[in-house]
Amino acid sequence: VTKVILATSERLEKIILRIDSRIEKIQGQGGDTVEAEGFIILAKEDLVDAKVAVAAFATLDLRGSTAAASFETIRAAAAEARELIRSGHRNLQKAVESLKGPNTGIDLEARATTTATTTPSN
């Protein structure tokens, strides 16, 4: 469980880097990225909290008479970590959606003109 949650967290962190790169590009074009930046901050917080939840149960000992109680603690912490990962993912989705809006600084007419001039005709 620990490996899966940490691997998922690492994949989301890589996605954050790609979204950050896109935010910088849009800012360079004069676009508004405040909303996306807010969602990225929330996603980063969710991932940090998920790692804390994983750390809480990764060190528990499942041997001996306290195994049942430890197992319940692990189950609760794993459920919390899973929900935090999901929340982080949703925030990343919202960040990407907000970067597709009309205030991102991307001139659609200029893009269409550039595409039309660079596309070979039949």
Protein backbone atom coordinates (compact mmCIF):
# COMPACT_ATOMS: atom_id res chain seq x y z
CA VAL A 1 0.00 0.00 0.00
CA THR A 2 2.82 2.35 0.89
CA LYS A 3 4.60 1.75 -2.42
CA VAL A 4 1.45 2.33 -4.46
CA ILE A 5 0.53 5.56 -2.71
CA LEU A 6 4.08 6.92 -2.91
CA ALA A 7 4.36 5.97 -6.60
CA THR A 8 1.09 7.73 -7.33
CA SER A 9 2.28 10.76 -5.41
CA GLU A 10 5.50 10.83 -7.45
CA ARG A 11 3.55 10.66 -10.72
CA LEU A 12 1.37 13.57 -9.63
CA GLU A 13 4.48 15.56 -8.68
CA LYS A 14 5.81 15.06 -12.22
CA ILE A 15 2.50 16.30 -13.58
CA ILE A 16 2.78 19.36 -11.32
CA LEU A 17 6.16 20.14 -12.90
CA ARG A 18 4.61 19.97 -16.37
CA ILE A 19 1.71 22.20 -15.36
CA ASP A 20 4.13 24.67 -13.74
CA SER A 21 6.01 24.81 -17.03
CA ARG A 22 2.77 25.53 -18.87
CA ILE A 23 1.90 28.25 -16.35
CA GLU A 24 5.25 29.93 -16.98
CA LYS A 25 4.65 29.80 -20.73
CA ILE A 26 1.21 31.35 -20.39
CA GLN A 27 2.56 34.03 -18.06
CA GLY A 28 5.21 34.80 -20.68
CA GLN A 29 2.39 35.42 -23.14
CA GLY A 30 0.70 37.76 -20.67
CA GLY A 31 -2.00 35.33 -19.58
CA ASP A 32 -3.76 35.11 -16.24
CA THR A 33 -2.74 31.99 -14.30
CA VAL A 34 -3.74 32.95 -10.76
CA GLU A 35 -6.52 30.38 -10.55
CA ALA A 36 -4.31 27.57 -11.84
CA GLU A 37 -1.53 28.53 -9.42
CA GLY A 38 -4.02 28.29 -6.54
CA PHE A 39 -5.05 24.78 -7.59
CA ILE A 40 -1.39 23.76 -7.86
CA ILE A 41 -0.76 24.98 -4.31
CA LEU A 42 -3.74 22.96 -3.07
CA ALA A 43 -2.54 19.86 -4.93
CA LYS A 44 0.95 20.19 -3.44
CA GLU A 45 -0.55 20.48 0.06
CA ASP A 46 -2.65 17.36 -0.56
CA LEU A 47 0.40 15.39 -1.66
CA VAL A 48 2.43 16.49 1.38
CA ASP A 49 -0.45 15.50 3.66
CA ALA A 50 -0.74 12.14 1.89
CA LYS A 51 2.95 11.46 2.48
CA VAL A 52 2.50 12.32 6.16
CA ALA A 53 -0.41 9.87 6.38
CA VAL A 54 1.70 7.16 4.71
CA ALA A 55 4.58 7.80 7.09
CA ALA A 56 2.16 7.38 10.00
CA PHE A 57 1.36 3.79 9.07
CA ALA A 58 4.53 2.72 7.28
CA THR A 59 6.39 2.32 10.57
CA LEU A 60 3.72 0.43 12.51
CA ASP A 61 4.53 -3.09 13.64
CA LEU A 62 1.93 -5.70 12.70
CA ARG A 63 3.37 -8.42 14.91
CA GLY A 64 2.16 -9.45 18.32
CA SER A 65 -1.01 -8.77 20.25
CA THR A 66 -1.45 -5.24 18.90
CA ALA A 67 -1.67 -6.38 15.28
CA ALA A 68 -5.45 -5.96 15.07
CA ALA A 69 -5.36 -2.43 16.48
CA SER A 70 -2.40 -1.55 14.25
CA PHE A 71 -4.21 -2.92 11.22
CA GLU A 72 -7.20 -0.66 11.88
CA THR A 73 -4.86 2.32 12.24
CA ILE A 74 -3.23 1.43 8.93
CA ARG A 75 -6.59 1.04 7.24
CA ALA A 76 -7.74 4.48 8.42
CA ALA A 77 -4.45 6.17 7.48
CA ALA A 78 -4.40 4.48 4.06
CA ALA A 79 -7.96 5.63 3.39
CA GLU A 80 -6.97 9.17 4.37
CA ALA A 81 -3.90 9.07 2.11
CA ARG A 82 -5.96 7.71 -0.77
CA GLU A 83 -8.51 10.51 -0.40
CA LEU A 84 -5.74 13.13 -0.26
CA ILE A 85 -4.25 11.72 -3.47
CA ARG A 86 -7.67 11.92 -5.11
CA SER A 87 -8.09 15.49 -3.92
CA GLY A 88 -4.67 16.39 -5.30
CA HIS A 89 -5.60 14.83 -8.63
CA ARG A 90 -8.87 16.78 -8.77
CA ASN A 91 -6.99 20.01 -8.03
CA LEU A 92 -4.58 19.27 -10.87
CA GLN A 93 -7.51 18.68 -13.20
CA LYS A 94 -8.99 22.03 -12.19
CA ALA A 95 -5.62 23.72 -12.76
CA VAL A 96 -5.44 22.34 -16.29
CA GLU A 97 -9.04 23.35 -16.97
CA SER A 98 -8.37 26.90 -15.79
CA LEU A 99 -5.40 27.12 -18.17
CA LYS A 100 -7.69 26.46 -21.11
CA GLY A 101 -9.80 29.56 -20.49
CA PRO A 102 -10.01 32.74 -22.55
CA ASN A 103 -7.72 34.73 -20.23
CA THR A 104 -4.66 32.55 -20.71
CA GLY A 105 -3.06 34.90 -23.20
CA ILE A 106 -3.26 32.53 -26.13
CA ASP A 107 -4.39 34.33 -29.25
CA LEU A 108 -6.56 31.80 -31.06
CA GLU A 109 -6.59 33.80 -34.31
CA ALA A 110 -2.81 33.98 -34.37
CA ARG A 111 -2.57 30.27 -33.66
CA ALA A 112 -5.05 29.49 -36.45
CA THR A 113 -3.12 31.67 -38.88
CA THR A 114 0.18 30.07 -37.92
CA THR A 115 -1.29 26.60 -38.24
CA ALA A 116 -2.83 27.39 -41.61
CA THR A 117 0.46 28.71 -43.01
CA THR A 118 2.52 25.79 -41.72
CA THR A 119 0.11 23.03 -42.71
CA PRO A 120 0.89 21.59 -46.13
CA SER A 121 -1.98 21.76 -48.58
CA ASN A 122 -3.20 18.76 -50.55
